[in-house]
Protein backbone atom coordinates (compact mmCIF):
# COMPACT_ATOMS: atom_id res chain seq x y z
CA MET A 1 83.04 74.98 112.01
CA PRO A 2 81.27 75.13 115.39
CA PRO A 3 78.41 72.71 116.06
CA LYS A 4 74.88 73.93 115.52
CA PHE A 5 73.20 75.81 118.32
CA SER A 6 70.13 74.51 120.06
CA LYS A 7 66.98 76.56 120.08
CA SER A 8 65.81 78.27 123.22
CA SER A 9 63.39 76.09 125.16
CA SER A 10 61.38 79.00 126.56
CA SER A 11 59.99 80.01 123.19
CA SER A 12 56.55 78.58 122.49
CA LYS A 13 56.85 78.96 118.72
CA LYS A 14 59.35 77.37 116.38
CA GLN A 15 61.46 80.14 114.94
CA THR A 16 64.70 80.24 113.06
CA PRO A 17 67.39 81.65 115.37
CA LYS A 18 69.17 84.81 114.31
CA LYS A 19 72.94 84.61 114.51
CA ARG A 20 75.06 87.59 115.39
CA ARG A 21 78.78 87.03 115.04
CA LEU A 22 80.69 89.04 117.62
CA GLY A 23 84.19 88.37 116.38
CA ARG A 24 86.73 85.81 115.32
CA HIS A 25 87.17 84.42 118.82
CA PHE A 26 84.16 85.95 120.47
CA GLY A 27 81.68 83.38 119.19
CA TYR A 28 78.06 83.71 118.21
CA VAL A 29 74.93 85.16 119.69
CA ASN A 30 71.91 83.03 118.87
CA LEU A 31 68.76 85.11 119.23
CA THR A 32 65.28 83.64 119.27
CA GLU A 33 62.75 86.40 119.71
CA SER A 34 59.47 85.54 121.42
CA GLY A 35 56.23 87.43 121.31
CA ASP A 36 56.92 88.97 124.71
CA ASP A 37 58.74 92.19 125.38
CA GLU A 38 61.70 90.31 126.81
CA ASP A 39 64.13 88.36 124.67
CA ASP A 40 64.97 84.69 125.01
CA LEU A 41 68.68 84.37 124.53
CA ASP A 42 70.68 81.25 123.83
CA TYR A 43 74.24 82.48 124.19
CA ARG A 44 77.33 80.34 124.15
CA GLU A 45 80.84 81.33 123.24
CA TYR A 46 82.81 79.11 120.92
CA ASP A 47 86.59 78.95 121.03
CA GLY A 48 87.57 78.28 117.43
CA GLU A 49 91.17 77.38 118.27
CA HIS A 50 90.34 74.74 120.88
CA GLY A 51 86.96 73.58 119.60
CA GLN A 52 85.12 74.11 122.86
CA TYR A 53 82.37 76.23 124.39
CA HIS A 54 82.39 78.56 127.37
CA GLU A 55 79.00 79.05 128.98
CA ASP A 56 79.38 80.55 132.45
CA LEU A 57 77.39 83.65 131.64
CA LYS A 58 74.15 82.78 133.36
CA ALA A 59 75.06 84.57 136.57
CA SER A 60 75.44 87.87 134.73
CA MET A 61 72.30 87.54 132.63
CA PRO A 62 68.72 88.40 133.57
CA SER A 63 66.22 85.67 134.34
CA SER A 64 64.49 86.19 131.00
CA CYS A 65 67.55 84.79 129.22
CA ASN A 66 67.54 81.02 129.02
CA VAL A 67 71.01 79.53 128.64
CA LYS A 68 71.20 75.86 127.76
CA ARG A 69 74.25 74.15 129.09
CA ARG A 70 76.01 71.37 127.26
CA ASP A 71 79.07 69.30 127.91
CA THR A 72 81.89 71.44 126.58
CA ARG A 73 84.57 68.80 126.76
CA SER A 74 86.42 68.57 123.49
CA ARG A 75 87.13 65.32 121.70
CA ARG A 76 90.76 65.63 122.68
CA GLY A 77 89.91 65.46 126.37
CA GLN A 78 90.67 69.05 127.21
CA LYS A 79 89.45 70.32 130.56
CA ARG A 80 86.20 72.21 130.61
CA SER A 81 86.63 75.95 130.99
CA SER A 82 84.94 77.64 133.91
CA GLY A 83 83.61 80.42 131.68
CA LEU A 84 84.25 83.82 130.22
CA ASP A 85 86.13 84.99 133.32
CA GLU A 86 89.01 82.64 132.49
CA LEU A 87 89.31 83.92 128.93
CA VAL A 88 90.80 87.25 129.94
CA GLY A 89 94.57 87.14 129.84
CA GLN A 90 94.76 83.79 128.06
CA PRO A 91 97.04 84.03 125.01
CA ALA A 92 94.93 81.56 123.04
CA ILE A 93 91.89 83.81 123.28
CA GLU A 94 92.85 87.18 121.87
CA LEU A 95 89.93 89.47 122.52
CA ASN A 96 91.81 92.32 120.88
CA ARG A 97 91.20 90.63 117.52
CA VAL A 98 87.53 91.48 117.71
CA THR A 99 86.95 93.81 114.77
CA GLN A 100 83.18 94.20 114.89
CA CYS A 101 80.64 94.02 117.65
CA TYR A 102 77.03 93.63 116.57
CA LEU A 103 74.63 94.16 119.46
CA ASN A 104 70.94 93.91 118.70
CA ARG A 105 68.20 93.72 121.34
CA LEU A 106 70.54 92.26 123.92
CA PRO A 107 69.99 92.79 127.64
CA VAL A 108 71.89 95.78 128.94
CA GLU A 109 73.60 93.64 131.58
CA LEU A 110 75.01 91.33 128.93
CA ILE A 111 76.20 94.24 126.78
CA ARG A 112 78.03 95.67 129.77
CA LYS A 113 79.51 92.24 130.50
CA ILE A 114 80.80 91.92 126.93
CA LEU A 115 82.30 95.40 126.81
CA ASP A 116 83.95 95.00 130.20
CA TYR A 117 85.95 92.06 128.86
CA VAL A 118 86.72 93.55 125.48
CA GLU A 119 87.84 96.97 126.64
CA PRO A 120 90.92 96.04 128.75
CA ASN A 121 92.60 94.26 125.82
CA TYR A 122 91.20 96.26 122.96
CA ASP A 123 91.90 99.77 121.76
CA LEU A 124 88.46 100.96 120.71
CA THR A 125 89.90 104.03 119.00
CA LYS A 126 91.75 102.11 116.27
CA TYR A 127 89.16 99.72 114.88
CA GLU A 128 85.68 100.02 113.55
CA LYS A 129 82.89 99.31 116.02
CA LYS A 130 79.38 98.99 114.68
CA LEU A 131 76.26 99.23 116.74
CA LEU A 132 72.79 98.48 115.46
CA GLY A 133 70.34 101.06 116.74
CA THR A 134 67.21 98.91 117.06
CA TYR A 135 67.03 98.64 120.83
CA CYS A 136 63.99 98.20 123.01
CA THR A 137 65.92 99.81 125.89
CA VAL A 138 67.51 102.54 123.81
CA SER A 139 67.41 105.20 126.56
CA ARG A 140 69.19 103.06 129.11
CA LEU A 141 71.60 101.73 126.51
CA PHE A 142 72.83 105.14 125.38
CA LYS A 143 72.94 106.53 128.90
CA ASP A 144 74.59 103.66 130.80
CA ILE A 145 76.61 101.82 128.18
CA LEU A 146 77.70 104.05 125.32
CA GLN A 147 78.42 107.26 127.18
CA PRO A 148 81.75 106.31 128.81
CA ARG A 149 83.08 104.40 125.82
CA LEU A 150 84.39 105.35 122.43
CA PHE A 151 82.78 103.80 119.34
CA ASP A 152 84.11 104.75 115.92
CA THR A 153 80.87 103.94 114.12
CA ILE A 154 77.29 104.22 115.29
CA ARG A 155 74.46 103.10 113.02
CA ILE A 156 71.03 104.42 113.91
CA ALA A 157 68.17 102.68 112.15
CA GLN A 158 65.20 103.94 114.16
CA LEU A 159 63.93 107.45 114.72
CA LYS A 160 63.58 106.72 118.44
CA ALA A 161 67.28 105.95 118.65
CA LEU A 162 68.14 109.18 116.81
CA TYR A 163 66.03 111.27 119.18
CA GLN A 164 67.55 109.64 122.25
CA PHE A 165 71.08 109.97 120.89
CA SER A 166 70.49 113.65 120.24
CA SER A 167 69.10 114.11 123.74
CA ILE A 168 72.13 112.46 125.35
CA LEU A 169 74.48 114.60 123.27
CA GLU A 170 72.72 117.71 124.45
CA LYS A 171 73.14 116.82 128.13
CA SER A 172 76.49 115.04 128.28
CA PRO A 173 79.87 116.61 127.45
CA VAL A 174 81.62 113.21 127.56
CA ILE A 175 79.84 111.66 124.61
CA ARG A 176 80.73 114.57 122.33
CA THR A 177 84.17 113.08 121.67
CA TYR A 178 82.76 110.25 119.54
CA PRO A 179 81.81 108.81 117.09
CA ARG A 180 83.92 109.18 113.97
CA GLU A 181 81.15 107.88 111.72
CA ILE A 182 77.37 108.09 111.96
CA GLN A 183 75.09 106.04 109.73
CA LEU A 184 71.45 107.13 109.63
CA GLU A 185 68.59 105.22 108.03
CA LEU A 186 65.63 107.56 108.01
CA GLN A 187 62.06 106.97 106.95
CA CYS A 188 59.91 110.01 107.61
CA SER A 189 56.31 109.86 106.48
CA LEU A 190 54.81 112.54 108.71
CA GLU A 191 55.58 116.24 108.97
CA GLU A 192 55.95 115.92 112.74
CA GLU A 193 58.60 113.22 112.29
CA SER A 194 60.48 115.36 109.79
CA ASN A 195 60.61 118.27 112.24
CA MET A 196 61.99 116.00 114.96
CA VAL A 197 64.61 114.50 112.64
CA ALA A 198 65.76 117.94 111.51
CA ALA A 199 66.09 119.08 115.12
CA ALA A 200 67.97 115.91 116.05
CA LEU A 201 70.42 116.29 113.17
CA THR A 202 71.01 119.93 114.01
CA ASN A 203 71.82 118.98 117.61
CA THR A 204 73.79 115.83 116.84
CA LEU A 205 76.24 116.43 114.00
CA PRO A 206 77.85 119.71 115.12
CA ARG A 207 78.36 118.35 118.68
CA CYS A 208 80.41 115.34 117.57
CA THR A 209 83.81 116.98 117.49
CA LEU A 210 85.61 113.95 116.01
CA LEU A 211 82.94 113.13 113.45
CA ASN A 212 84.52 112.39 110.07
CA THR A 213 81.85 110.55 108.04
CA VAL A 214 78.10 111.02 107.78
CA GLU A 215 76.00 108.52 105.85
CA VAL A 216 72.31 109.25 105.33
CA LEU A 217 69.95 106.72 103.74
CA PHE A 218 66.42 107.91 103.03
CA LYS A 219 64.13 104.90 102.80
CA ALA A 220 61.50 107.25 101.39
CA PRO A 221 62.96 109.64 98.76
CA MET A 222 60.45 112.35 99.64
CA GLY A 223 62.00 112.57 103.11
CA PHE A 224 65.00 114.21 101.48
CA GLN A 225 62.89 117.15 100.35
CA VAL A 226 61.13 117.47 103.70
CA ILE A 227 64.05 117.27 106.14
CA PHE A 228 66.73 119.42 104.53
CA PRO A 229 64.68 122.65 104.37
CA LEU A 230 64.13 122.35 108.12
CA LEU A 231 67.87 122.32 108.80
CA GLY A 232 68.25 125.86 107.54
CA ARG A 233 71.39 127.77 106.70
CA ASN A 234 72.71 127.66 110.27
CA PHE A 235 73.64 123.99 110.05
CA HIS A 236 77.40 123.54 110.33
CA ALA A 237 79.58 120.44 110.82
CA PRO A 238 83.20 121.49 110.23
CA SER A 239 84.84 118.18 111.19
CA VAL A 240 83.05 116.02 108.59
CA GLU A 241 85.17 115.07 105.58
CA ARG A 242 82.94 112.46 103.94
CA LEU A 243 79.23 112.68 103.18
CA ASP A 244 77.15 109.83 101.71
CA ILE A 245 73.63 110.63 100.52
CA ARG A 246 71.40 107.82 99.22
CA LEU A 247 68.01 107.97 97.55
CA GLY A 248 67.71 111.71 97.55
CA VAL A 249 66.61 114.46 95.21
CA PHE A 250 68.82 117.41 94.32
CA THR A 251 67.06 120.49 95.61
CA SER A 252 68.01 123.93 96.86
CA SER A 253 67.82 122.58 100.41
CA PHE A 254 70.37 119.93 99.54
CA MET A 255 72.82 122.60 98.43
CA GLN A 256 72.35 124.43 101.72
CA PHE A 257 72.84 121.20 103.66
CA VAL A 258 76.07 120.23 101.88
CA GLY A 259 77.30 123.78 102.24
CA GLY A 260 77.33 123.25 106.00
CA PHE A 261 80.24 120.82 105.68
CA SER A 262 82.97 123.36 105.15
CA ARG A 263 85.81 120.79 105.09
CA LEU A 264 84.07 118.12 103.05
CA LYS A 265 86.52 116.15 100.89
CA ILE A 266 84.50 113.15 99.68
CA LEU A 267 80.94 113.44 98.38
CA HIS A 268 79.14 110.21 97.47
CA LEU A 269 75.70 110.42 95.87
CA GLU A 270 73.71 107.25 95.24
CA GLY A 271 70.35 106.67 93.60
CA ILE A 272 69.89 110.30 92.56
CA ASN A 273 68.26 111.32 89.31
CA PHE A 274 70.07 114.45 88.23
CA ASP A 275 67.56 114.87 85.44
CA LYS A 276 65.07 116.31 87.95
CA LEU A 277 67.02 119.28 89.19
CA LEU A 278 65.33 121.90 91.31
CA ILE A 279 68.24 124.28 91.78
CA SER A 280 67.81 128.02 91.75
CA ASP A 281 70.33 130.40 90.19
CA LYS A 282 71.28 131.57 93.67
CA ASP A 283 72.13 128.04 94.78
CA LYS A 284 74.23 127.45 91.68
CA LYS A 285 76.60 130.12 92.92
CA LEU A 286 77.47 128.03 95.99
CA SER A 287 81.01 126.72 95.76
CA LEU A 288 82.21 123.61 97.58
CA SER A 289 85.88 124.14 96.95
CA SER A 290 87.02 121.61 99.56
CA ILE A 291 85.65 118.52 97.76
CA GLU A 292 88.40 116.45 96.15
CA ASN A 293 86.58 113.20 95.43
CA LEU A 294 83.20 112.82 93.75
CA MET A 295 81.51 109.41 93.69
CA LEU A 296 78.31 108.79 91.75
CA SER A 297 76.57 105.41 91.95
CA ASN A 298 73.28 104.16 90.56
CA CYS A 299 72.61 107.61 89.16
CA PHE A 300 71.35 108.98 85.87
CA VAL A 301 73.48 111.79 84.50
CA SER A 302 72.95 114.25 81.66
CA GLN A 303 74.15 117.65 80.52
CA SER A 304 72.06 119.26 83.26
CA THR A 305 74.29 117.46 85.76
CA ILE A 306 77.27 119.34 84.37
CA GLU A 307 75.36 122.59 84.69
CA LEU A 308 75.04 121.96 88.41
CA LEU A 309 78.50 120.58 89.05
CA SER A 310 80.34 123.26 87.11
CA ASN A 311 80.09 125.73 90.00
CA VAL A 312 79.92 123.26 92.85
CA LEU A 313 82.97 121.06 92.38
CA PRO A 314 85.85 123.17 91.10
CA GLN A 315 88.67 121.32 92.91
CA VAL A 316 87.67 117.68 92.33
CA LYS A 317 90.69 115.47 91.64
CA THR A 318 89.06 112.02 91.51
CA ILE A 319 85.79 111.05 89.86
CA SER A 320 84.43 107.54 90.49
CA LEU A 321 81.42 106.35 88.52
CA PHE A 322 79.61 103.17 89.64
CA VAL A 323 76.71 101.87 87.55
CA VAL A 324 75.99 105.29 86.08
CA LYS A 325 73.48 105.57 83.23
CA GLY A 326 73.70 108.19 80.54
CA LEU A 327 77.49 108.31 80.54
CA THR A 328 79.02 109.73 77.37
CA SER A 329 82.39 111.03 76.27
CA ASP A 330 80.92 114.53 76.16
CA PHE A 331 79.91 114.19 79.81
CA LEU A 332 83.44 113.30 80.90
CA VAL A 333 84.97 116.06 78.80
CA ALA A 334 82.54 118.55 80.31
CA MET A 335 83.46 117.28 83.79
CA LYS A 336 87.08 117.94 82.98
CA GLY A 337 86.16 121.43 81.85
CA CYS A 338 84.58 122.34 85.20
CA CYS A 339 87.11 120.47 87.37
CA SER A 340 90.54 121.79 86.50
CA SER A 341 92.27 119.40 88.95
CA PHE A 342 90.52 116.28 87.60
CA SER A 343 93.28 113.66 87.24
CA THR A 344 91.90 110.25 88.28
CA LEU A 345 89.00 108.44 86.63
CA ASN A 346 87.42 105.24 87.99
CA VAL A 347 84.68 103.64 85.90
CA TYR A 348 82.67 100.58 86.98
CA ARG A 349 79.76 99.01 85.07
CA CYS A 350 78.59 102.21 83.43
CA GLY A 351 76.15 102.32 80.54
CA ASP A 352 74.18 104.53 78.22
CA ALA A 353 70.75 105.98 78.92
CA LYS A 354 69.17 102.53 78.58
CA GLY A 355 71.74 100.85 80.77
CA LYS A 356 73.57 99.02 77.99
CA PRO A 357 77.37 98.73 78.37
CA THR A 358 79.21 101.66 76.88
CA SER A 359 81.60 99.82 74.61
CA ARG A 360 83.15 103.07 73.39
CA ILE A 361 83.75 104.53 76.86
CA PRO A 362 86.25 105.34 78.11
CA PHE A 363 88.50 103.76 75.47
CA HIS A 364 87.65 106.44 72.93
CA LEU A 365 87.99 109.54 75.05
CA PRO A 366 89.32 112.62 73.29
CA LEU A 367 93.06 113.15 73.35
CA SER A 368 92.70 116.28 75.47
CA LEU A 369 91.21 114.22 78.30
CA TRP A 370 93.73 111.39 78.05
CA MET A 371 96.59 113.87 78.23
CA SER A 372 95.29 115.38 81.48
CA LEU A 373 94.62 112.18 83.44
CA THR A 374 97.23 110.42 85.57
CA THR A 375 95.25 107.34 86.62
CA VAL A 376 92.49 105.50 84.79
CA ARG A 377 90.82 102.41 86.23
CA ILE A 378 88.29 100.60 84.07
CA GLN A 379 86.21 97.70 85.41
CA PHE A 380 83.43 95.87 83.61
CA CYS A 381 83.31 98.54 80.92
CA GLY A 382 84.17 98.68 77.26
CA ASP A 383 85.37 96.12 74.78
CA LEU A 384 88.91 95.93 73.45
CA ARG A 385 87.59 94.15 70.36
CA THR A 386 85.74 97.19 69.06
CA GLU A 387 87.70 99.86 67.25
CA SER A 388 91.32 100.66 67.79
CA PHE A 389 92.30 103.51 70.04
CA PRO A 390 92.21 107.01 68.55
CA THR A 391 95.24 108.26 66.69
CA PHE A 392 97.55 110.26 68.93
CA ASP A 393 100.09 112.80 67.88
CA GLU A 394 103.81 112.29 68.37
CA SER A 395 103.81 113.92 71.78
CA GLY A 396 101.95 110.97 73.21
CA ILE A 397 100.12 111.10 76.52
CA THR A 398 102.44 112.92 78.82
CA ASN A 399 100.68 112.58 82.18
CA LEU A 400 99.18 109.08 82.39
CA GLU A 401 101.03 107.01 84.98
CA ASN A 402 98.66 104.19 85.85
CA LEU A 403 96.23 102.37 83.57
CA LYS A 404 94.23 99.45 84.98
CA PHE A 405 91.90 97.15 83.09
CA VAL A 406 89.91 95.07 85.59
CA GLU A 407 87.72 92.24 84.32
CA ILE A 408 86.88 94.06 81.12
CA PHE A 409 86.09 90.87 79.19
CA GLU A 410 83.61 89.29 81.60
CA MET A 411 80.47 90.79 80.08
CA TYR A 412 81.22 89.36 76.64
CA LYS A 413 80.40 85.66 76.45
CA ASN A 414 81.16 84.87 72.81
CA TRP A 415 84.84 85.67 72.55
CA ASN A 416 87.47 82.96 72.32
CA ASP A 417 91.08 82.31 71.36
CA GLU A 418 90.56 83.87 67.95
CA HIS A 419 90.20 87.28 69.56
CA LEU A 420 93.40 87.06 71.60
CA PRO A 421 95.74 88.39 68.86
CA GLU A 422 93.49 91.39 68.35
CA ILE A 423 93.29 92.06 72.09
CA SER A 424 97.05 91.78 72.53
CA ARG A 425 97.67 94.08 69.54
CA THR A 426 95.27 96.65 70.97
CA LEU A 427 96.96 96.61 74.35
CA SER A 428 100.40 96.71 72.76
CA ARG A 429 99.51 99.68 70.62
CA PHE A 430 98.07 101.59 73.53
CA VAL A 431 101.09 100.95 75.75
CA ASP A 432 103.26 101.99 72.83
CA VAL A 433 101.45 105.32 72.74
CA LEU A 434 101.94 105.73 76.47
CA ASN A 435 105.63 105.01 76.14
CA ARG A 436 106.36 107.70 73.58
CA PRO A 437 108.77 110.30 74.87
CA SER A 438 107.36 113.61 75.98
CA GLY A 439 108.51 116.98 74.71
CA ASP A 440 111.72 116.81 76.74
CA ASN A 441 112.48 113.32 75.32
CA LYS A 442 112.30 111.78 78.81
CA ARG A 443 110.64 108.46 79.43
CA ARG A 444 108.05 108.30 82.15
CA LYS A 445 107.25 105.69 84.74
CA PHE A 446 103.88 104.10 84.14
CA GLU A 447 102.08 100.83 84.69
CA VAL A 448 99.52 98.94 82.65
CA SER A 449 97.78 96.09 84.44
CA VAL A 450 95.10 93.70 83.24
CA THR A 451 93.14 91.71 85.82
CA PHE A 452 91.18 88.57 84.98
CA ARG A 453 88.98 86.36 87.04
CA LYS A 454 90.35 82.96 87.97
CA SER A 455 88.15 81.20 85.42
CA LEU A 456 89.80 83.19 82.61
CA GLU A 457 93.37 82.52 83.67
CA PRO A 458 94.21 80.62 80.44
CA TYR A 459 93.34 83.72 78.43
CA ALA A 460 95.58 85.81 80.64
CA LYS A 461 98.47 83.46 79.93
CA HIS A 462 97.82 83.69 76.19
CA ILE A 463 97.92 87.47 76.29
CA ASN A 464 101.17 87.40 78.23
CA GLU A 465 102.64 85.09 75.61
CA ALA A 466 101.42 87.40 72.86
CA PHE A 467 103.35 90.25 74.43
CA ASP A 468 106.46 88.10 74.71
CA ASP A 469 106.24 87.10 71.05
CA ASN A 470 105.99 90.65 69.83
CA GLN A 471 109.73 91.27 69.45
CA ALA A 472 109.32 94.54 67.59
CA TYR A 473 107.16 95.87 70.36
CA LEU A 474 109.58 94.76 73.08
CA LYS A 475 112.41 96.42 71.18
CA LYS A 476 110.54 99.69 71.18
CA ILE A 477 110.04 99.77 74.92
CA LYS A 478 113.44 98.37 75.79
CA GLY A 479 114.94 101.82 76.15
CA ALA A 480 112.34 102.87 78.67
CA GLY A 481 114.32 101.49 81.59
CA ASP A 482 113.46 99.23 84.48
CA ASP A 483 110.84 101.57 85.87
CA VAL A 484 108.31 100.62 83.20
CA ASN A 485 106.03 97.70 84.00
CA VAL A 486 104.25 96.71 80.81
CA ALA A 487 101.09 94.61 80.74
CA MET A 488 101.32 93.13 84.19
CA VAL A 489 98.57 90.52 83.98
CA ARG A 490 96.91 89.52 87.22
CA THR A 491 94.23 87.03 88.15
CA VAL A 492 91.70 87.25 90.94
CA GLN A 493 89.24 84.79 92.40
CA ASP A 494 85.90 84.14 90.74
CA GLU A 495 84.02 85.80 93.57
CA ILE A 496 85.41 89.19 92.63
CA GLY A 497 83.00 91.15 90.51
CA LYS A 498 79.98 88.93 91.07
CA GLY A 499 76.75 90.40 92.36
CA SER A 500 76.00 94.02 93.04
CA TRP A 501 78.62 96.51 94.09
CA ALA A 502 78.30 96.87 97.85
CA ILE A 503 79.53 100.42 98.22
CA ARG A 504 78.23 100.62 101.75
CA ARG A 505 80.67 97.97 102.92
CA LYS A 506 83.48 99.79 104.61
CA GLU A 507 86.20 97.48 103.32
CA GLN A 508 85.19 98.29 99.75
CA ARG A 509 84.34 101.93 100.26
CA PHE A 510 87.75 103.30 99.32
CA SER A 511 88.79 100.51 96.97
CA MET A 512 88.10 102.69 93.93
CA ILE A 513 89.89 105.71 95.39
CA GLU A 514 93.59 105.34 94.76
């Protein structure tokens, strides 16, 4: 761990410094904001492999930035480095390992200095680059710094940044080649602001020719209803394949907005109450046939949701439900009825209308739905100690190839070793149903996996032993061949599953899409 940073001496008030980590070997930026317009910056780079600092940045920084120098000699007597200039080309300092670059209220000169050293050894087109859009010099930043470089991800958190970004796009043909992802955090309280945002979105999204993902977060839900009507039916962004909408309201304008993404494959809706639908009959006729993956999180669903989705999502193959209230078997069956290609179901922490865990879902889905799915992933849902699985006919489930139970026991605190035989019997019976030969008497390849947290590893071992002791069961599946992996029990660290599901984190975004 690097030593603690000293506070900037030019600040008159005692404030807790804000740390911005620039990368594995790129060190930290320690920001102490004063009451003035200019920032006081205490910047030192820490070399984690050699335990030393590099501080020769003062020459490239404006006078408003106060850099405190310290003796950077390591305990092992290594020579003091002359600064950042010597880092380039050194094998011990691999700048191409930088995966994220957070720049917030930094002087433009320092941003240019950082990017000049990163760019020669770093392919900016292959890795995610994030940029916080809360700049006091946003005009100069976009014009002088971002224009000649390629950033995969740009996050704009202020309306001023959005307006300036749109203006630069309109004037510069170079910047139109990026980004691949735009994240917008909008909070519109005035009609004038809404008009400007709508104009900026209309100018921005269609001009980004490589744009693949658009994420829109409305800090004020009413902004959703105000902005989208202003976009009109002429809005069109053909390159976008993923759209994330948070804290919105389903309206006719929303349907028109989504209809502008003609090649949209992934639609993620978060924090939307489908029970307050304002969709006209004309809008219900809109068909988004390109969408293959529907993700609902922190939503409330009902039969009216099916009424909307029946004509909107005809080609959906994967449905992922995260913390969805109002989920019932009838809802999933109705989803299957309007999505003929529906084959993969991911369920995470879903509950009934009151938010209580749905112990009967999706373990007690109708046979017709089980027979049509190929992959089912269940996490933090259901209880294997409830009733047994429904009775299947002799044909078995002919399509299911992958069944995953992930931490399904964590929400039940009062179960112990006495329940293990019942759990193992339930799993055994279900796998037995999966293993039944289909109509052509051919065995299928499938996998059943059960994942526990590290703290429940003893229970996982007991269940494995229960499978091993069930000789009759093993004899039944013996003829299935080597391509059948039965009850592969895994354990994961305790951190997995704790806290809220951070869908916005890019590394977790596609974890439920398999």
